[in-house]
Structure formats: structure tokens, C-alpha cells
Amino acid sequence: FTPPADEATQALQARVFGALTVPSLYLHGADDNC
């Protein structure tokens, strides 16, 4: 819940929140209560 203070981490976070450019698989449990 704390935004990164340094520029390198901010840039990394921007990449993480950006588009994913490779074919991807996402799995999720139907009964996940987390």
C-alpha cells in the first residue's frame, strides 16, 4: 500500500502494471476464498 519512492522501482511497477506481450495461461481455483 506504499507507492515506491525511487525511480527504478517506479519504472518496474509501471512495467508490471502494463500489457503482457507473450501468450499467457492464467489458472484460478473456483473455491478460492483468498
All heavy atoms as atom14 arrays in JSON, in Angstrom:
{
  "sequence": "FTPPADEATQALQARVFGALTVPSLYLHGADDNC",
  "atom14_mask": [
    [1, 1, 1, 1, 1, 1, 1, 1, 1, 1, 1, 0, 0, 0],
    [1, 1, 1, 1, 1, 1, 1, 0, 0, 0, 0, 0, 0, 0],
    [1, 1, 1, 1, 1, 1, 1, 0, 0, 0, 0, 0, 0, 0],
    [1, 1, 1, 1, 1, 1, 1, 0, 0, 0, 0, 0, 0, 0],
    [1, 1, 1, 1, 1, 0, 0, 0, 0, 0, 0, 0, 0, 0],
    [1, 1, 1, 1, 1, 1, 1, 1, 0, 0, 0, 0, 0, 0],
    [1, 1, 1, 1, 1, 1, 1, 1, 1, 0, 0, 0, 0, 0],
    [1, 1, 1, 1, 1, 0, 0, 0, 0, 0, 0, 0, 0, 0],
    [1, 1, 1, 1, 1, 1, 1, 0, 0, 0, 0, 0, 0, 0],
    [1, 1, 1, 1, 1, 1, 1, 1, 1, 0, 0, 0, 0, 0],
    [1, 1, 1, 1, 1, 0, 0, 0, 0, 0, 0, 0, 0, 0],
    [1, 1, 1, 1, 1, 1, 1, 1, 0, 0, 0, 0, 0, 0],
    [1, 1, 1, 1, 1, 1, 1, 1, 1, 0, 0, 0, 0, 0],
    [1, 1, 1, 1, 1, 0, 0, 0, 0, 0, 0, 0, 0, 0],
    [1, 1, 1, 1, 1, 1, 1, 1, 1, 1, 1, 0, 0, 0],
    [1, 1, 1, 1, 1, 1, 1, 0, 0, 0, 0, 0, 0, 0],
    [1, 1, 1, 1, 1, 1, 1, 1, 1, 1, 1, 0, 0, 0],
    [1, 1, 1, 1, 0, 0, 0, 0, 0, 0, 0, 0, 0, 0],
    [1, 1, 1, 1, 1, 0, 0, 0, 0, 0, 0, 0, 0, 0],
    [1, 1, 1, 1, 1, 1, 1, 1, 0, 0, 0, 0, 0, 0],
    [1, 1, 1, 1, 1, 1, 1, 0, 0, 0, 0, 0, 0, 0],
    [1, 1, 1, 1, 1, 1, 1, 0, 0, 0, 0, 0, 0, 0],
    [1, 1, 1, 1, 1, 1, 1, 0, 0, 0, 0, 0, 0, 0],
    [1, 1, 1, 1, 1, 1, 0, 0, 0, 0, 0, 0, 0, 0],
    [1, 1, 1, 1, 1, 1, 1, 1, 0, 0, 0, 0, 0, 0],
    [1, 1, 1, 1, 1, 1, 1, 1, 1, 1, 1, 1, 0, 0],
    [1, 1, 1, 1, 1, 1, 1, 1, 0, 0, 0, 0, 0, 0],
    [1, 1, 1, 1, 1, 1, 1, 1, 1, 1, 0, 0, 0, 0],
    [1, 1, 1, 1, 0, 0, 0, 0, 0, 0, 0, 0, 0, 0],
    [1, 1, 1, 1, 1, 0, 0, 0, 0, 0, 0, 0, 0, 0],
    [1, 1, 1, 1, 1, 1, 1, 1, 0, 0, 0, 0, 0, 0],
    [1, 1, 1, 1, 1, 1, 1, 1, 0, 0, 0, 0, 0, 0],
    [1, 1, 1, 1, 1, 1, 1, 1, 0, 0, 0, 0, 0, 0],
    [1, 1, 1, 1, 1, 1, 0, 0, 0, 0, 0, 0, 0, 0]
  ],
  "atom14_positions": [
    [[0.81, -1.22, 0.0], [0.0, 0.0, 0.0], [0.84, 1.26, 0.0], [0.31, 2.36, 0.17], [-0.95, -0.01, 1.2], [-1.85, -1.23, 1.22], [-1.74, -2.16, 2.23], [-2.77, -1.45, 0.22], [-2.55, -3.29, 2.25], [-3.58, -2.57, 0.23], [-3.47, -3.49, 1.24], [0.0, 0.0, 0.0], [0.0, 0.0, 0.0], [0.0, 0.0, 0.0]],
    [[2.14, 1.12, -0.18], [3.04, 2.27, -0.19], [3.66, 2.4, -1.57], [4.4, 1.51, -2.01], [4.17, 2.08, 0.85], [3.57, 1.83, 2.12], [5.06, 3.31, 0.92], [0.0, 0.0, 0.0], [0.0, 0.0, 0.0], [0.0, 0.0, 0.0], [0.0, 0.0, 0.0], [0.0, 0.0, 0.0], [0.0, 0.0, 0.0], [0.0, 0.0, 0.0]],
    [[3.35, 3.46, -2.29], [3.96, 3.63, -3.61], [5.48, 3.69, -3.5], [6.01, 4.25, -2.54], [3.4, 4.97, -4.11], [2.23, 5.26, -3.25], [2.47, 4.56, -1.94], [0.0, 0.0, 0.0], [0.0, 0.0, 0.0], [0.0, 0.0, 0.0], [0.0, 0.0, 0.0], [0.0, 0.0, 0.0], [0.0, 0.0, 0.0], [0.0, 0.0, 0.0]],
    [[6.18, 3.12, -4.48], [7.64, 3.15, -4.42], [8.17, 4.58, -4.52], [7.63, 5.4, -5.27], [8.08, 2.32, -5.63], [6.89, 2.29, -6.53], [5.68, 2.45, -5.66], [0.0, 0.0, 0.0], [0.0, 0.0, 0.0], [0.0, 0.0, 0.0], [0.0, 0.0, 0.0], [0.0, 0.0, 0.0], [0.0, 0.0, 0.0], [0.0, 0.0, 0.0]],
    [[9.21, 4.86, -3.77], [9.78, 6.21, -3.75], [10.85, 6.42, -4.81], [10.99, 7.52, -5.34], [10.37, 6.49, -2.36], [0.0, 0.0, 0.0], [0.0, 0.0, 0.0], [0.0, 0.0, 0.0], [0.0, 0.0, 0.0], [0.0, 0.0, 0.0], [0.0, 0.0, 0.0], [0.0, 0.0, 0.0], [0.0, 0.0, 0.0], [0.0, 0.0, 0.0]],
    [[11.59, 5.37, -5.15], [12.71, 5.56, -6.08], [12.25, 5.34, -7.53], [11.33, 4.57, -7.8], [13.88, 4.64, -5.73], [13.51, 3.18, -5.86], [12.82, 2.67, -4.97], [13.9, 2.58, -6.87], [0.0, 0.0, 0.0], [0.0, 0.0, 0.0], [0.0, 0.0, 0.0], [0.0, 0.0, 0.0], [0.0, 0.0, 0.0], [0.0, 0.0, 0.0]],
    [[12.93, 6.0, -8.45], [12.54, 5.96, -9.85], [12.66, 4.57, -10.47], [11.83, 4.18, -11.29], [13.37, 6.97, -10.65], [12.99, 8.4, -10.36], [13.75, 9.39, -11.22], [14.19, 9.02, -12.33], [13.9, 10.54, -10.79], [0.0, 0.0, 0.0], [0.0, 0.0, 0.0], [0.0, 0.0, 0.0], [0.0, 0.0, 0.0], [0.0, 0.0, 0.0]],
    [[13.68, 3.82, -10.1], [13.87, 2.49, -10.67], [12.7, 1.57, -10.31], [12.19, 0.83, -11.17], [15.19, 1.88, -10.19], [0.0, 0.0, 0.0], [0.0, 0.0, 0.0], [0.0, 0.0, 0.0], [0.0, 0.0, 0.0], [0.0, 0.0, 0.0], [0.0, 0.0, 0.0], [0.0, 0.0, 0.0], [0.0, 0.0, 0.0], [0.0, 0.0, 0.0]],
    [[12.26, 1.63, -9.08], [11.14, 0.79, -8.66], [9.84, 1.29, -9.28], [8.97, 0.49, -9.64], [11.04, 0.75, -7.12], [12.31, 0.36, -6.59], [9.99, -0.24, -6.66], [0.0, 0.0, 0.0], [0.0, 0.0, 0.0], [0.0, 0.0, 0.0], [0.0, 0.0, 0.0], [0.0, 0.0, 0.0], [0.0, 0.0, 0.0], [0.0, 0.0, 0.0]],
    [[9.68, 2.59, -9.42], [8.51, 3.13, -10.11], [8.44, 2.64, -11.55], [7.37, 2.27, -12.05], [8.51, 4.66, -10.06], [8.27, 5.23, -8.69], [8.51, 6.73, -8.64], [8.86, 7.38, -9.62], [8.34, 7.3, -7.45], [0.0, 0.0, 0.0], [0.0, 0.0, 0.0], [0.0, 0.0, 0.0], [0.0, 0.0, 0.0], [0.0, 0.0, 0.0]],
    [[9.59, 2.62, -12.23], [9.63, 2.14, -13.61], [9.29, 0.65, -13.68], [8.56, 0.21, -14.58], [11.01, 2.4, -14.21], [0.0, 0.0, 0.0], [0.0, 0.0, 0.0], [0.0, 0.0, 0.0], [0.0, 0.0, 0.0], [0.0, 0.0, 0.0], [0.0, 0.0, 0.0], [0.0, 0.0, 0.0], [0.0, 0.0, 0.0], [0.0, 0.0, 0.0]],
    [[9.8, -0.11, -12.73], [9.48, -1.54, -12.68], [8.0, -1.75, -12.44], [7.36, -2.59, -13.09], [10.31, -2.22, -11.59], [10.08, -3.72, -11.41], [10.4, -4.48, -12.68], [10.91, -4.24, -10.25], [0.0, 0.0, 0.0], [0.0, 0.0, 0.0], [0.0, 0.0, 0.0], [0.0, 0.0, 0.0], [0.0, 0.0, 0.0], [0.0, 0.0, 0.0]],
    [[7.42, -0.98, -11.53], [5.99, -1.11, -11.26], [5.17, -0.75, -12.5], [4.17, -1.42, -12.79], [5.58, -0.23, -10.08], [4.13, -0.45, -9.67], [3.75, 0.36, -8.47], [3.91, 1.57, -8.45], [3.24, -0.31, -7.46], [0.0, 0.0, 0.0], [0.0, 0.0, 0.0], [0.0, 0.0, 0.0], [0.0, 0.0, 0.0], [0.0, 0.0, 0.0]],
    [[5.58, 0.26, -13.22], [4.86, 0.62, -14.45], [4.87, -0.54, -15.45], [3.85, -0.81, -16.1], [5.48, 1.87, -15.07], [0.0, 0.0, 0.0], [0.0, 0.0, 0.0], [0.0, 0.0, 0.0], [0.0, 0.0, 0.0], [0.0, 0.0, 0.0], [0.0, 0.0, 0.0], [0.0, 0.0, 0.0], [0.0, 0.0, 0.0], [0.0, 0.0, 0.0]],
    [[6.0, -1.23, -15.54], [6.08, -2.4, -16.43], [5.16, -3.51, -15.93], [4.49, -4.18, -16.73], [7.51, -2.91, -16.52], [8.41, -2.01, -17.36], [9.81, -2.55, -17.48], [9.82, -3.89, -18.04], [10.78, -4.78, -17.82], [11.79, -4.49, -17.03], [10.73, -5.97, -18.37], [0.0, 0.0, 0.0], [0.0, 0.0, 0.0], [0.0, 0.0, 0.0]],
    [[5.14, -3.74, -14.63], [4.29, -4.79, -14.05], [2.82, -4.5, -14.33], [2.04, -5.41, -14.58], [4.56, -4.93, -12.54], [3.51, -5.79, -11.87], [5.94, -5.48, -12.29], [0.0, 0.0, 0.0], [0.0, 0.0, 0.0], [0.0, 0.0, 0.0], [0.0, 0.0, 0.0], [0.0, 0.0, 0.0], [0.0, 0.0, 0.0], [0.0, 0.0, 0.0]],
    [[2.43, -3.24, -14.27], [1.04, -2.87, -14.49], [0.71, -2.71, -15.97], [-0.43, -2.48, -16.33], [0.71, -1.57, -13.76], [0.62, -1.73, -12.26], [0.71, -0.62, -11.45], [0.44, -2.95, -11.66], [0.62, -0.74, -10.06], [0.34, -3.09, -10.28], [0.44, -1.98, -9.49], [0.0, 0.0, 0.0], [0.0, 0.0, 0.0], [0.0, 0.0, 0.0]],
    [[1.7, -2.87, -16.84], [1.48, -2.72, -18.28], [0.99, -4.0, -18.92], [0.74, -5.02, -18.28], [0.0, 0.0, 0.0], [0.0, 0.0, 0.0], [0.0, 0.0, 0.0], [0.0, 0.0, 0.0], [0.0, 0.0, 0.0], [0.0, 0.0, 0.0], [0.0, 0.0, 0.0], [0.0, 0.0, 0.0], [0.0, 0.0, 0.0], [0.0, 0.0, 0.0]],
    [[0.89, -3.95, -20.24], [0.42, -5.08, -21.02], [1.43, -6.22, -20.99], [2.64, -6.0, -20.9], [0.17, -4.64, -22.45], [0.0, 0.0, 0.0], [0.0, 0.0, 0.0], [0.0, 0.0, 0.0], [0.0, 0.0, 0.0], [0.0, 0.0, 0.0], [0.0, 0.0, 0.0], [0.0, 0.0, 0.0], [0.0, 0.0, 0.0], [0.0, 0.0, 0.0]],
    [[0.92, -7.44, -21.07], [1.76, -8.63, -21.17], [1.77, -9.04, -22.64], [0.71, -9.25, -23.24], [1.21, -9.74, -20.28], [1.26, -9.39, -18.8], [0.37, -10.3, -17.99], [2.68, -9.45, -18.29], [0.0, 0.0, 0.0], [0.0, 0.0, 0.0], [0.0, 0.0, 0.0], [0.0, 0.0, 0.0], [0.0, 0.0, 0.0], [0.0, 0.0, 0.0]],
    [[2.95, -9.16, -23.21], [3.07, -9.31, -24.65], [3.37, -10.73, -25.11], [3.65, -10.94, -26.29], [4.18, -8.37, -25.17], [5.41, -8.71, -24.53], [3.84, -6.91, -24.89], [0.0, 0.0, 0.0], [0.0, 0.0, 0.0], [0.0, 0.0, 0.0], [0.0, 0.0, 0.0], [0.0, 0.0, 0.0], [0.0, 0.0, 0.0], [0.0, 0.0, 0.0]],
    [[3.31, -11.68, -24.22], [3.54, -13.09, -24.59], [2.25, -13.87, -24.37], [1.42, -13.5, -23.53], [4.68, -13.7, -23.76], [6.0, -13.01, -24.05], [4.38, -13.67, -22.29], [0.0, 0.0, 0.0], [0.0, 0.0, 0.0], [0.0, 0.0, 0.0], [0.0, 0.0, 0.0], [0.0, 0.0, 0.0], [0.0, 0.0, 0.0], [0.0, 0.0, 0.0]],
    [[2.04, -14.92, -25.14], [0.87, -15.76, -24.87], [0.91, -16.21, -23.41], [1.97, -16.56, -22.89], [1.05, -16.95, -25.82], [1.98, -16.46, -26.88], [2.87, -15.44, -26.22], [0.0, 0.0, 0.0], [0.0, 0.0, 0.0], [0.0, 0.0, 0.0], [0.0, 0.0, 0.0], [0.0, 0.0, 0.0], [0.0, 0.0, 0.0], [0.0, 0.0, 0.0]],
    [[-0.25, -16.2, -22.76], [-0.27, -16.43, -21.32], [-1.37, -17.39, -20.9], [-2.43, -17.45, -21.53], [-0.45, -15.1, -20.57], [0.6, -14.21, -20.88], [0.0, 0.0, 0.0], [0.0, 0.0, 0.0], [0.0, 0.0, 0.0], [0.0, 0.0, 0.0], [0.0, 0.0, 0.0], [0.0, 0.0, 0.0], [0.0, 0.0, 0.0], [0.0, 0.0, 0.0]],
    [[-1.09, -18.1, -19.82], [-2.04, -19.0, -19.19], [-2.27, -18.49, -17.77], [-1.31, -18.18, -17.07], [-1.47, -20.42, -19.14], [-2.22, -21.46, -18.31], [-3.6, -21.75, -18.92], [-1.39, -22.74, -18.19], [0.0, 0.0, 0.0], [0.0, 0.0, 0.0], [0.0, 0.0, 0.0], [0.0, 0.0, 0.0], [0.0, 0.0, 0.0], [0.0, 0.0, 0.0]],
    [[-3.53, -18.4, -17.37], [-3.86, -18.0, -16.01], [-4.79, -19.05, -15.42], [-5.82, -19.39, -16.02], [-4.54, -16.62, -15.98], [-4.91, -16.21, -14.58], [-3.96, -15.71, -13.72], [-6.21, -16.38, -14.11], [-4.28, -15.36, -12.42], [-6.54, -16.04, -12.81], [-5.57, -15.53, -11.97], [-5.9, -15.2, -10.68], [0.0, 0.0, 0.0], [0.0, 0.0, 0.0]],
    [[-4.43, -19.58, -14.24], [-5.23, -20.59, -13.54], [-5.72, -20.03, -12.22], [-4.97, -19.33, -11.52], [-4.38, -21.84, -13.28], [-3.76, -22.51, -14.49], [-2.74, -23.55, -14.06], [-4.82, -23.15, -15.36], [0.0, 0.0, 0.0], [0.0, 0.0, 0.0], [0.0, 0.0, 0.0], [0.0, 0.0, 0.0], [0.0, 0.0, 0.0], [0.0, 0.0, 0.0]],
    [[-6.96, -20.35, -11.87], [-7.54, -19.87, -10.61], [-8.48, -20.95, -10.08], [-9.25, -21.53, -10.84], [-8.31, -18.58, -10.86], [-8.47, -17.74, -9.65], [-7.83, -16.55, -9.47], [-9.19, -17.92, -8.52], [-8.14, -16.02, -8.3], [-8.97, -16.85, -7.7], [0.0, 0.0, 0.0], [0.0, 0.0, 0.0], [0.0, 0.0, 0.0], [0.0, 0.0, 0.0]],
    [[-8.43, -21.2, -8.78], [-9.32, -22.17, -8.15], [-10.73, -21.61, -8.02], [-10.91, -20.48, -7.57], [0.0, 0.0, 0.0], [0.0, 0.0, 0.0], [0.0, 0.0, 0.0], [0.0, 0.0, 0.0], [0.0, 0.0, 0.0], [0.0, 0.0, 0.0], [0.0, 0.0, 0.0], [0.0, 0.0, 0.0], [0.0, 0.0, 0.0], [0.0, 0.0, 0.0]],
    [[-11.71, -22.41, -8.38], [-13.1, -21.98, -8.3], [-13.54, -21.69, -6.87], [-14.42, -20.86, -6.64], [-14.01, -23.04, -8.92], [0.0, 0.0, 0.0], [0.0, 0.0, 0.0], [0.0, 0.0, 0.0], [0.0, 0.0, 0.0], [0.0, 0.0, 0.0], [0.0, 0.0, 0.0], [0.0, 0.0, 0.0], [0.0, 0.0, 0.0], [0.0, 0.0, 0.0]],
    [[-12.91, -22.35, -5.89], [-13.3, -22.19, -4.49], [-12.33, -21.32, -3.7], [-12.28, -21.41, -2.47], [-13.39, -23.58, -3.83], [-14.37, -24.49, -4.55], [-15.37, -23.99, -5.08], [-14.12, -25.71, -4.59], [0.0, 0.0, 0.0], [0.0, 0.0, 0.0], [0.0, 0.0, 0.0], [0.0, 0.0, 0.0], [0.0, 0.0, 0.0], [0.0, 0.0, 0.0]],
    [[-11.56, -20.49, -4.39], [-10.57, -19.63, -3.75], [-11.26, -18.58, -2.89], [-12.03, -17.77, -3.39], [-9.71, -18.96, -4.83], [-8.51, -18.22, -4.28], [-8.55, -17.78, -3.11], [-7.54, -18.06, -5.03], [0.0, 0.0, 0.0], [0.0, 0.0, 0.0], [0.0, 0.0, 0.0], [0.0, 0.0, 0.0], [0.0, 0.0, 0.0], [0.0, 0.0, 0.0]],
    [[-10.99, -18.63, -1.59], [-11.56, -17.64, -0.66], [-10.5, -16.66, -0.18], [-10.64, -16.06, 0.89], [-12.2, -18.35, 0.53], [-13.52, -18.97, 0.16], [-14.28, -18.42, -0.63], [-13.79, -20.14, 0.69], [0.0, 0.0, 0.0], [0.0, 0.0, 0.0], [0.0, 0.0, 0.0], [0.0, 0.0, 0.0], [0.0, 0.0, 0.0], [0.0, 0.0, 0.0]],
    [[-9.46, -16.5, -0.96], [-8.42, -15.51, -0.7], [-8.5, -14.43, -1.78], [-8.64, -13.25, -1.48], [-7.05, -16.18, -0.7], [-5.67, -15.05, -0.54], [0.0, 0.0, 0.0], [0.0, 0.0, 0.0], [0.0, 0.0, 0.0], [0.0, 0.0, 0.0], [0.0, 0.0, 0.0], [0.0, 0.0, 0.0], [0.0, 0.0, 0.0], [0.0, 0.0, 0.0]]
  ]
}
